[in-house]
């Protein structure tokens, strides 16, 4: 009977840890996506206002097509931020299915890998890396947009 109580405690501890890690990961993913959207979206809106003012002023000293290209980088960065959000969702879903693929036992080691655990772990790792790469591409788009517009204006 004591072994069963110990096993149930370990099962509850496993479930609690999974829940905590998932909540933390979701929070960080949300913050990252919001920051990337704010950076790229805010820059895109600022560039639209800037281009509109240039058009109204009819200022031919600035290479307008080059300025507009920076807007494309910012819009692309915002699009990659949204794509990052989608990949984060897939990662969270796969992490949940990975955790659920483990089997609870009533003898030590109480929680063991199930038949689908290894495959799920590989999928989680793939989509996790892909989400990180896409987030870096979003940030890189913002940096390239800044570099593009600064080379035209300065």
N, C-alpha and C. Protein backbone atom coordinates (compact mmCIF):
# COMPACT_ATOMS: atom_id res chain seq x y z
N UNK A 1 0.81 -1.20 0.00
CA UNK A 1 0.00 0.00 0.00
C UNK A 1 0.86 1.27 0.00
N UNK A 2 1.97 1.22 0.74
CA UNK A 2 2.86 2.37 0.81
C UNK A 2 3.47 2.67 -0.56
N UNK A 3 3.80 1.61 -1.32
CA UNK A 3 4.36 1.76 -2.66
C UNK A 3 3.36 2.47 -3.58
N UNK A 4 2.09 2.15 -3.47
CA UNK A 4 1.07 2.77 -4.31
C UNK A 4 0.93 4.25 -3.96
N UNK A 5 0.97 4.58 -2.70
CA UNK A 5 0.88 5.99 -2.28
C UNK A 5 2.09 6.77 -2.77
N UNK A 6 3.26 6.16 -2.69
CA UNK A 6 4.48 6.81 -3.19
C UNK A 6 4.37 7.02 -4.70
N UNK A 7 3.88 6.03 -5.41
CA UNK A 7 3.72 6.14 -6.86
C UNK A 7 2.73 7.24 -7.21
N UNK A 8 1.61 7.29 -6.51
CA UNK A 8 0.62 8.34 -6.78
C UNK A 8 1.20 9.72 -6.51
N UNK A 9 2.01 9.84 -5.48
CA UNK A 9 2.68 11.11 -5.19
C UNK A 9 3.61 11.51 -6.32
N UNK A 10 4.37 10.55 -6.85
CA UNK A 10 5.28 10.84 -7.97
C UNK A 10 4.50 11.19 -9.23
N UNK A 11 3.37 10.54 -9.44
CA UNK A 11 2.52 10.85 -10.61
C UNK A 11 2.00 12.28 -10.50
N UNK A 12 1.53 12.64 -9.31
CA UNK A 12 1.03 14.01 -9.10
C UNK A 12 2.15 15.04 -9.26
N UNK A 13 3.33 14.70 -8.74
CA UNK A 13 4.48 15.60 -8.87
C UNK A 13 4.84 15.80 -10.34
N UNK A 14 4.84 14.73 -11.12
CA UNK A 14 5.12 14.78 -12.57
C UNK A 14 4.11 15.70 -13.26
N UNK A 15 2.84 15.48 -12.98
CA UNK A 15 1.79 16.28 -13.61
C UNK A 15 1.91 17.75 -13.22
N UNK A 16 2.23 18.02 -11.97
CA UNK A 16 2.37 19.39 -11.49
C UNK A 16 3.55 20.09 -12.17
N UNK A 17 4.66 19.39 -12.31
CA UNK A 17 5.83 19.97 -12.97
C UNK A 17 5.53 20.28 -14.44
N UNK A 18 4.84 19.38 -15.10
CA UNK A 18 4.47 19.59 -16.50
C UNK A 18 3.59 20.83 -16.63
N UNK A 19 2.61 20.94 -15.75
CA UNK A 19 1.70 22.09 -15.77
C UNK A 19 2.47 23.40 -15.55
N UNK A 20 3.36 23.41 -14.58
CA UNK A 20 4.15 24.62 -14.27
C UNK A 20 5.04 25.00 -15.45
N UNK A 21 5.74 24.02 -16.02
CA UNK A 21 6.64 24.31 -17.15
C UNK A 21 5.85 24.81 -18.35
N UNK A 22 4.68 24.23 -18.59
CA UNK A 22 3.86 24.65 -19.71
C UNK A 22 3.38 26.09 -19.53
N UNK A 23 2.93 26.43 -18.33
CA UNK A 23 2.47 27.79 -18.06
C UNK A 23 3.61 28.80 -18.24
N UNK A 24 4.80 28.46 -17.76
CA UNK A 24 5.95 29.35 -17.90
C UNK A 24 6.33 29.51 -19.37
N UNK A 25 6.36 28.41 -20.11
CA UNK A 25 6.73 28.46 -21.52
C UNK A 25 5.73 29.28 -22.33
N UNK A 26 4.45 29.10 -22.04
CA UNK A 26 3.42 29.87 -22.74
C UNK A 26 3.58 31.36 -22.44
N UNK A 27 3.85 31.69 -21.20
CA UNK A 27 4.04 33.10 -20.83
C UNK A 27 5.22 33.74 -21.56
N UNK A 28 6.34 33.03 -21.60
CA UNK A 28 7.51 33.56 -22.29
C UNK A 28 7.28 33.65 -23.80
N UNK A 29 6.61 32.66 -24.37
CA UNK A 29 6.32 32.71 -25.80
C UNK A 29 5.41 33.88 -26.13
N UNK A 30 4.40 34.12 -25.30
CA UNK A 30 3.50 35.26 -25.53
C UNK A 30 4.27 36.57 -25.46
N UNK A 31 5.13 36.72 -24.47
CA UNK A 31 5.90 37.95 -24.33
C UNK A 31 6.83 38.17 -25.52
N UNK A 32 7.45 37.10 -25.99
CA UNK A 32 8.35 37.21 -27.14
C UNK A 32 7.60 37.62 -28.40
N UNK A 33 6.49 36.96 -28.66
CA UNK A 33 5.71 37.27 -29.86
C UNK A 33 5.18 38.71 -29.79
N UNK A 34 4.70 39.12 -28.62
CA UNK A 34 4.20 40.49 -28.48
C UNK A 34 5.31 41.50 -28.73
N UNK A 35 6.51 41.22 -28.20
CA UNK A 35 7.64 42.14 -28.41
C UNK A 35 8.01 42.23 -29.88
N UNK A 36 8.05 41.09 -30.56
CA UNK A 36 8.40 41.09 -31.98
C UNK A 36 7.34 41.81 -32.80
N UNK A 37 6.08 41.58 -32.48
CA UNK A 37 5.00 42.29 -33.19
C UNK A 37 5.07 43.78 -32.93
N UNK A 38 5.34 44.15 -31.69
CA UNK A 38 5.42 45.58 -31.35
C UNK A 38 6.58 46.25 -32.07
N UNK A 39 7.74 45.60 -32.07
CA UNK A 39 8.89 46.17 -32.76
C UNK A 39 8.62 46.36 -34.25
N UNK A 40 8.25 45.28 -34.90
CA UNK A 40 8.08 45.32 -36.36
C UNK A 40 6.82 46.09 -36.77
N UNK A 41 5.72 45.86 -36.06
CA UNK A 41 4.49 46.57 -36.40
C UNK A 41 4.60 48.06 -36.14
N UNK A 42 5.20 48.43 -35.00
CA UNK A 42 5.40 49.85 -34.70
C UNK A 42 6.31 50.53 -35.71
N UNK A 43 7.36 49.83 -36.09
CA UNK A 43 8.27 50.39 -37.10
C UNK A 43 7.57 50.53 -38.44
N UNK A 44 6.73 49.57 -38.80
CA UNK A 44 6.00 49.65 -40.06
C UNK A 44 5.04 50.84 -40.06
N UNK A 45 4.34 51.03 -38.95
CA UNK A 45 3.42 52.17 -38.86
C UNK A 45 4.19 53.48 -38.92
N UNK A 46 5.32 53.55 -38.23
CA UNK A 46 6.14 54.76 -38.27
C UNK A 46 6.65 55.05 -39.68
N UNK A 47 7.04 53.97 -40.39
CA UNK A 47 7.53 54.16 -41.76
C UNK A 47 6.40 54.60 -42.69
N UNK A 48 5.20 54.09 -42.48
CA UNK A 48 4.06 54.54 -43.29
C UNK A 48 3.81 56.03 -43.08
N UNK A 49 3.87 56.47 -41.84
CA UNK A 49 3.68 57.90 -41.56
C UNK A 49 4.81 58.71 -42.18
N UNK A 50 6.03 58.21 -42.10
CA UNK A 50 7.17 58.90 -42.66
C UNK A 50 7.05 59.02 -44.18
N UNK A 51 6.67 57.92 -44.81
CA UNK A 51 6.52 57.93 -46.27
C UNK A 51 5.38 58.86 -46.68
N UNK A 52 4.30 58.87 -45.91
CA UNK A 52 3.19 59.77 -46.22
C UNK A 52 3.63 61.23 -46.11
N UNK A 53 4.42 61.56 -45.10
CA UNK A 53 4.92 62.92 -44.96
C UNK A 53 5.88 63.29 -46.08
N UNK A 54 6.71 62.33 -46.50
CA UNK A 54 7.61 62.60 -47.62
C UNK A 54 6.82 62.86 -48.90
N UNK A 55 5.79 62.05 -49.09
CA UNK A 55 4.96 62.22 -50.28
C UNK A 55 4.24 63.57 -50.27
N UNK A 56 3.76 64.00 -49.11
CA UNK A 56 3.07 65.28 -49.00
C UNK A 56 4.03 66.44 -49.20
N UNK A 57 5.27 66.27 -48.71
CA UNK A 57 6.26 67.35 -48.83
C UNK A 57 6.88 67.37 -50.22
N UNK A 58 6.70 66.29 -50.97
CA UNK A 58 7.26 66.19 -52.30
C UNK A 58 8.78 66.38 -52.27
N UNK A 59 9.42 65.79 -51.26
CA UNK A 59 10.86 65.91 -51.05
C UNK A 59 11.58 64.89 -51.93
N UNK A 60 12.30 65.38 -52.93
CA UNK A 60 12.98 64.47 -53.86
C UNK A 60 14.40 64.14 -53.41
N UNK A 61 14.83 64.70 -52.27
CA UNK A 61 16.19 64.44 -51.79
C UNK A 61 16.32 63.04 -51.20
N UNK A 62 15.23 62.42 -50.84
CA UNK A 62 15.26 61.10 -50.22
C UNK A 62 14.82 60.06 -51.25
N UNK A 63 15.54 58.96 -51.29
CA UNK A 63 15.23 57.86 -52.21
C UNK A 63 14.04 57.09 -51.65
N UNK A 64 12.84 57.46 -52.10
CA UNK A 64 11.61 56.89 -51.58
C UNK A 64 11.52 55.37 -51.77
N UNK A 65 11.90 54.81 -52.92
CA UNK A 65 11.84 53.34 -53.05
C UNK A 65 12.68 52.61 -52.01
N UNK A 66 13.82 53.16 -51.65
CA UNK A 66 14.64 52.52 -50.62
C UNK A 66 14.00 52.60 -49.26
N UNK A 67 13.32 53.69 -48.98
CA UNK A 67 12.62 53.84 -47.72
C UNK A 67 11.46 52.83 -47.66
N UNK A 68 10.78 52.67 -48.77
CA UNK A 68 9.66 51.73 -48.82
C UNK A 68 10.16 50.29 -48.65
N UNK A 69 11.36 49.99 -49.12
CA UNK A 69 11.91 48.64 -48.94
C UNK A 69 12.07 48.31 -47.46
N UNK A 70 12.41 49.33 -46.66
CA UNK A 70 12.52 49.06 -45.22
C UNK A 70 11.15 48.68 -44.65
N UNK A 71 10.10 49.28 -45.19
CA UNK A 71 8.74 48.93 -44.76
C UNK A 71 8.46 47.45 -45.04
N UNK A 72 8.97 46.95 -46.15
CA UNK A 72 8.79 45.53 -46.49
C UNK A 72 9.49 44.65 -45.44
N UNK A 73 10.66 45.07 -45.00
CA UNK A 73 11.36 44.31 -43.96
C UNK A 73 10.56 44.28 -42.67
N UNK A 74 10.00 45.44 -42.29
CA UNK A 74 9.21 45.49 -41.05
C UNK A 74 7.93 44.64 -41.17
N UNK A 75 7.29 44.72 -42.31
CA UNK A 75 6.08 43.92 -42.52
C UNK A 75 6.43 42.43 -42.50
N UNK A 76 7.54 42.08 -43.12
CA UNK A 76 8.00 40.69 -43.09
C UNK A 76 8.29 40.24 -41.66
N UNK A 77 8.92 41.12 -40.89
CA UNK A 77 9.22 40.80 -39.49
C UNK A 77 7.95 40.58 -38.69
N UNK A 78 6.92 41.39 -38.95
CA UNK A 78 5.64 41.20 -38.26
C UNK A 78 5.01 39.87 -38.68
N UNK A 79 5.11 39.56 -39.96
CA UNK A 79 4.59 38.27 -40.44
C UNK A 79 5.32 37.10 -39.81
N UNK A 80 6.63 37.20 -39.69
CA UNK A 80 7.40 36.14 -39.04
C UNK A 80 7.05 36.04 -37.55
N UNK A 81 6.71 37.16 -36.92
CA UNK A 81 6.29 37.13 -35.51
C UNK A 81 4.98 36.34 -35.38
N UNK A 82 4.06 36.56 -36.30
CA UNK A 82 2.81 35.80 -36.28
C UNK A 82 3.08 34.32 -36.54
N UNK A 83 3.98 34.03 -37.45
CA UNK A 83 4.36 32.64 -37.73
C UNK A 83 5.00 32.01 -36.49
N UNK A 84 5.79 32.79 -35.78
CA UNK A 84 6.38 32.31 -34.53
C UNK A 84 5.29 31.92 -33.54
N UNK A 85 4.24 32.73 -33.46
CA UNK A 85 3.13 32.41 -32.56
C UNK A 85 2.50 31.08 -32.93
N UNK A 86 2.32 30.83 -34.22
CA UNK A 86 1.76 29.56 -34.67
C UNK A 86 2.65 28.39 -34.31
N UNK A 87 3.95 28.55 -34.51
CA UNK A 87 4.88 27.48 -34.16
C UNK A 87 4.92 27.27 -32.65
N UNK A 88 4.81 28.34 -31.87
CA UNK A 88 4.77 28.21 -30.41
C UNK A 88 3.55 27.40 -29.98
N UNK A 89 2.43 27.63 -30.64
CA UNK A 89 1.23 26.83 -30.34
C UNK A 89 1.50 25.35 -30.61
N UNK A 90 2.10 25.06 -31.75
CA UNK A 90 2.39 23.67 -32.09
C UNK A 90 3.34 23.06 -31.06
N UNK A 91 4.35 23.82 -30.64
CA UNK A 91 5.29 23.32 -29.64
C UNK A 91 4.55 23.00 -28.33
N UNK A 92 3.69 23.92 -27.89
CA UNK A 92 2.96 23.68 -26.64
C UNK A 92 2.05 22.45 -26.75
N UNK A 93 1.38 22.31 -27.87
CA UNK A 93 0.52 21.15 -28.08
C UNK A 93 1.34 19.86 -28.05
N UNK A 94 2.46 19.88 -28.76
CA UNK A 94 3.30 18.68 -28.81
C UNK A 94 3.93 18.38 -27.45
N UNK A 95 4.26 19.41 -26.70
CA UNK A 95 4.80 19.16 -25.35
C UNK A 95 3.75 18.48 -24.47
N UNK A 96 2.52 18.91 -24.62
CA UNK A 96 1.45 18.27 -23.84
C UNK A 96 1.28 16.82 -24.25
N UNK A 97 1.29 16.54 -25.56
CA UNK A 97 1.14 15.16 -26.00
C UNK A 97 2.37 14.33 -25.62
N UNK A 98 3.55 14.97 -25.60
CA UNK A 98 4.77 14.27 -25.17
C UNK A 98 4.65 13.88 -23.69
N UNK A 99 4.20 14.81 -22.87
CA UNK A 99 4.04 14.51 -21.44
C UNK A 99 3.00 13.41 -21.23
N UNK A 100 1.94 13.46 -22.01
CA UNK A 100 0.89 12.46 -21.87
C UNK A 100 1.31 11.10 -22.41
N UNK A 101 2.36 11.05 -23.21
CA UNK A 101 2.80 9.77 -23.77
C UNK A 101 3.57 8.93 -22.75
N UNK A 102 3.93 9.53 -21.63
CA UNK A 102 4.58 8.77 -20.57
C UNK A 102 3.55 7.89 -19.86
N UNK A 103 4.02 6.82 -19.32
CA UNK A 103 3.13 5.90 -18.62
C UNK A 103 3.43 5.93 -17.13
N UNK A 104 2.38 5.91 -16.34
CA UNK A 104 2.51 5.85 -14.88
C UNK A 104 2.56 4.39 -14.44
N UNK A 105 3.53 4.09 -13.60
CA UNK A 105 3.70 2.74 -13.06
C UNK A 105 3.58 2.80 -11.54
N UNK A 106 3.29 1.69 -10.96
CA UNK A 106 3.18 1.63 -9.50
C UNK A 106 4.39 0.97 -8.87
N UNK A 107 5.46 0.83 -9.65
CA UNK A 107 6.74 0.36 -9.14
C UNK A 107 7.80 1.33 -9.66
N UNK A 108 8.92 1.43 -8.95
CA UNK A 108 9.98 2.35 -9.37
C UNK A 108 10.41 1.99 -10.77
N UNK A 109 10.55 2.93 -11.69
CA UNK A 109 10.63 4.38 -11.63
C UNK A 109 9.29 5.10 -11.85
N UNK A 110 8.19 4.64 -11.54
CA UNK A 110 6.88 5.27 -11.45
C UNK A 110 6.40 5.97 -12.73
N UNK A 111 7.29 6.70 -13.42
CA UNK A 111 6.94 7.36 -14.69
C UNK A 111 7.97 6.91 -15.72
N UNK A 112 7.50 6.27 -16.80
CA UNK A 112 8.40 5.75 -17.83
C UNK A 112 7.92 6.21 -19.21
N UNK A 113 8.84 6.16 -20.15
CA UNK A 113 8.48 6.53 -21.52
C UNK A 113 7.53 5.51 -22.10
N UNK A 114 6.54 6.02 -22.83
CA UNK A 114 5.61 5.16 -23.53
C UNK A 114 6.11 4.88 -24.93
N UNK A 115 5.34 4.15 -25.73
CA UNK A 115 5.78 3.79 -27.08
C UNK A 115 5.91 5.00 -28.02
N UNK A 116 5.20 6.08 -27.75
CA UNK A 116 5.23 7.25 -28.64
C UNK A 116 6.12 8.38 -28.10
N UNK A 117 6.72 8.20 -26.94
CA UNK A 117 7.44 9.28 -26.29
C UNK A 117 8.63 9.78 -27.11
N UNK A 118 9.43 8.89 -27.63
CA UNK A 118 10.63 9.30 -28.38
C UNK A 118 10.25 10.08 -29.63
N UNK A 119 9.25 9.61 -30.35
CA UNK A 119 8.80 10.31 -31.56
C UNK A 119 8.26 11.69 -31.23
N UNK A 120 7.50 11.79 -30.15
CA UNK A 120 6.95 13.09 -29.75
C UNK A 120 8.06 14.05 -29.34
N UNK A 121 9.07 13.53 -28.65
CA UNK A 121 10.19 14.37 -28.23
C UNK A 121 10.91 14.94 -29.46
N UNK A 122 11.09 14.12 -30.48
CA UNK A 122 11.74 14.59 -31.71
C UNK A 122 10.91 15.69 -32.38
N UNK A 123 9.60 15.51 -32.42
CA UNK A 123 8.73 16.54 -33.00
C UNK A 123 8.79 17.84 -32.18
N UNK A 124 8.75 17.72 -30.87
CA UNK A 124 8.84 18.90 -30.00
C UNK A 124 10.14 19.63 -30.28
N UNK A 125 11.25 18.90 -30.33
CA UNK A 125 12.55 19.53 -30.57
C UNK A 125 12.60 20.22 -31.93
N UNK A 126 12.07 19.57 -32.96
CA UNK A 126 12.08 20.16 -34.30
C UNK A 126 11.30 21.48 -34.32
N UNK A 127 10.07 21.45 -33.82
CA UNK A 127 9.24 22.65 -33.86
C UNK A 127 9.75 23.73 -32.91
N UNK A 128 10.38 23.32 -31.82
CA UNK A 128 10.96 24.29 -30.90
C UNK A 128 12.09 25.05 -31.58
N UNK A 129 12.98 24.32 -32.23
CA UNK A 129 14.09 24.96 -32.94
C UNK A 129 13.55 25.84 -34.08
N UNK A 130 12.55 25.33 -34.80
CA UNK A 130 11.95 26.12 -35.89
C UNK A 130 11.35 27.41 -35.37
N UNK A 131 10.64 27.35 -34.23
CA UNK A 131 10.04 28.56 -33.66
C UNK A 131 11.13 29.56 -33.26
N UNK A 132 12.22 29.07 -32.69
CA UNK A 132 13.32 29.96 -32.32
C UNK A 132 13.96 30.60 -33.56
N UNK A 133 14.16 29.80 -34.59
CA UNK A 133 14.76 30.33 -35.83
C UNK A 133 13.86 31.40 -36.44
N UNK A 134 12.56 31.14 -36.48
CA UNK A 134 11.62 32.11 -37.05
C UNK A 134 11.59 33.38 -36.21
N UNK A 135 11.67 33.25 -34.89
CA UNK A 135 11.71 34.44 -34.03
C UNK A 135 12.97 35.26 -34.30
N UNK A 136 14.09 34.59 -34.49
CA UNK A 136 15.35 35.29 -34.81
C UNK A 136 15.24 35.97 -36.17
N UNK A 137 14.59 35.32 -37.13
CA UNK A 137 14.39 35.93 -38.45
C UNK A 137 13.53 37.18 -38.31
N UNK A 138 12.51 37.13 -37.46
CA UNK A 138 11.67 38.30 -37.23
C UNK A 138 12.49 39.46 -36.67
N UNK A 139 13.31 39.16 -35.68
CA UNK A 139 14.17 40.20 -35.10
C UNK A 139 15.19 40.70 -36.12
N UNK A 140 15.74 39.79 -36.90
CA UNK A 140 16.69 40.18 -37.95
C UNK A 140 16.02 41.08 -38.99
N UNK A 141 14.76 40.82 -39.31
CA UNK A 141 14.03 41.67 -40.25
C UNK A 141 13.93 43.09 -39.72
N UNK A 142 13.67 43.21 -38.43
CA UNK A 142 13.62 44.54 -37.81
C UNK A 142 14.98 45.23 -37.93
N UNK A 143 16.05 44.52 -37.64
CA UNK A 143 17.40 45.10 -37.71
C UNK A 143 17.75 45.50 -39.13
N UNK A 144 17.43 44.65 -40.10
CA UNK A 144 17.71 44.98 -41.50
C UNK A 144 16.87 46.19 -41.93
N UNK A 145 15.62 46.26 -41.47
CA UNK A 145 14.79 47.43 -41.78
C UNK A 145 15.39 48.71 -41.24
N UNK A 146 15.89 48.67 -40.03
CA UNK A 146 16.56 49.84 -39.44
C UNK A 146 17.79 50.22 -40.27
N UNK A 147 18.59 49.21 -40.59
CA UNK A 147 19.80 49.47 -41.38
C UNK A 147 19.43 50.04 -42.74
N UNK A 148 18.39 49.49 -43.37
CA UNK A 148 17.95 49.96 -44.69
C UNK A 148 17.55 51.43 -44.65
N UNK A 149 16.73 51.80 -43.69
CA UNK A 149 16.25 53.17 -43.65
C UNK A 149 17.34 54.12 -43.19
N UNK A 150 18.22 53.67 -42.31
CA UNK A 150 19.29 54.57 -41.85
C UNK A 150 20.30 54.83 -42.97
N UNK A 151 20.52 53.87 -43.83
CA UNK A 151 21.45 54.10 -44.94
C UNK A 151 20.88 55.07 -45.97
N UNK A 152 19.56 55.21 -46.00
CA UNK A 152 18.93 56.14 -46.95
C UNK A 152 18.84 57.54 -46.35
N UNK A 153 18.47 57.60 -45.08
CA UNK A 153 18.20 58.91 -44.46
C UNK A 153 19.48 59.60 -43.99
N UNK A 154 20.40 58.83 -43.45
CA UNK A 154 21.61 59.46 -42.88
C UNK A 154 22.65 59.76 -43.92
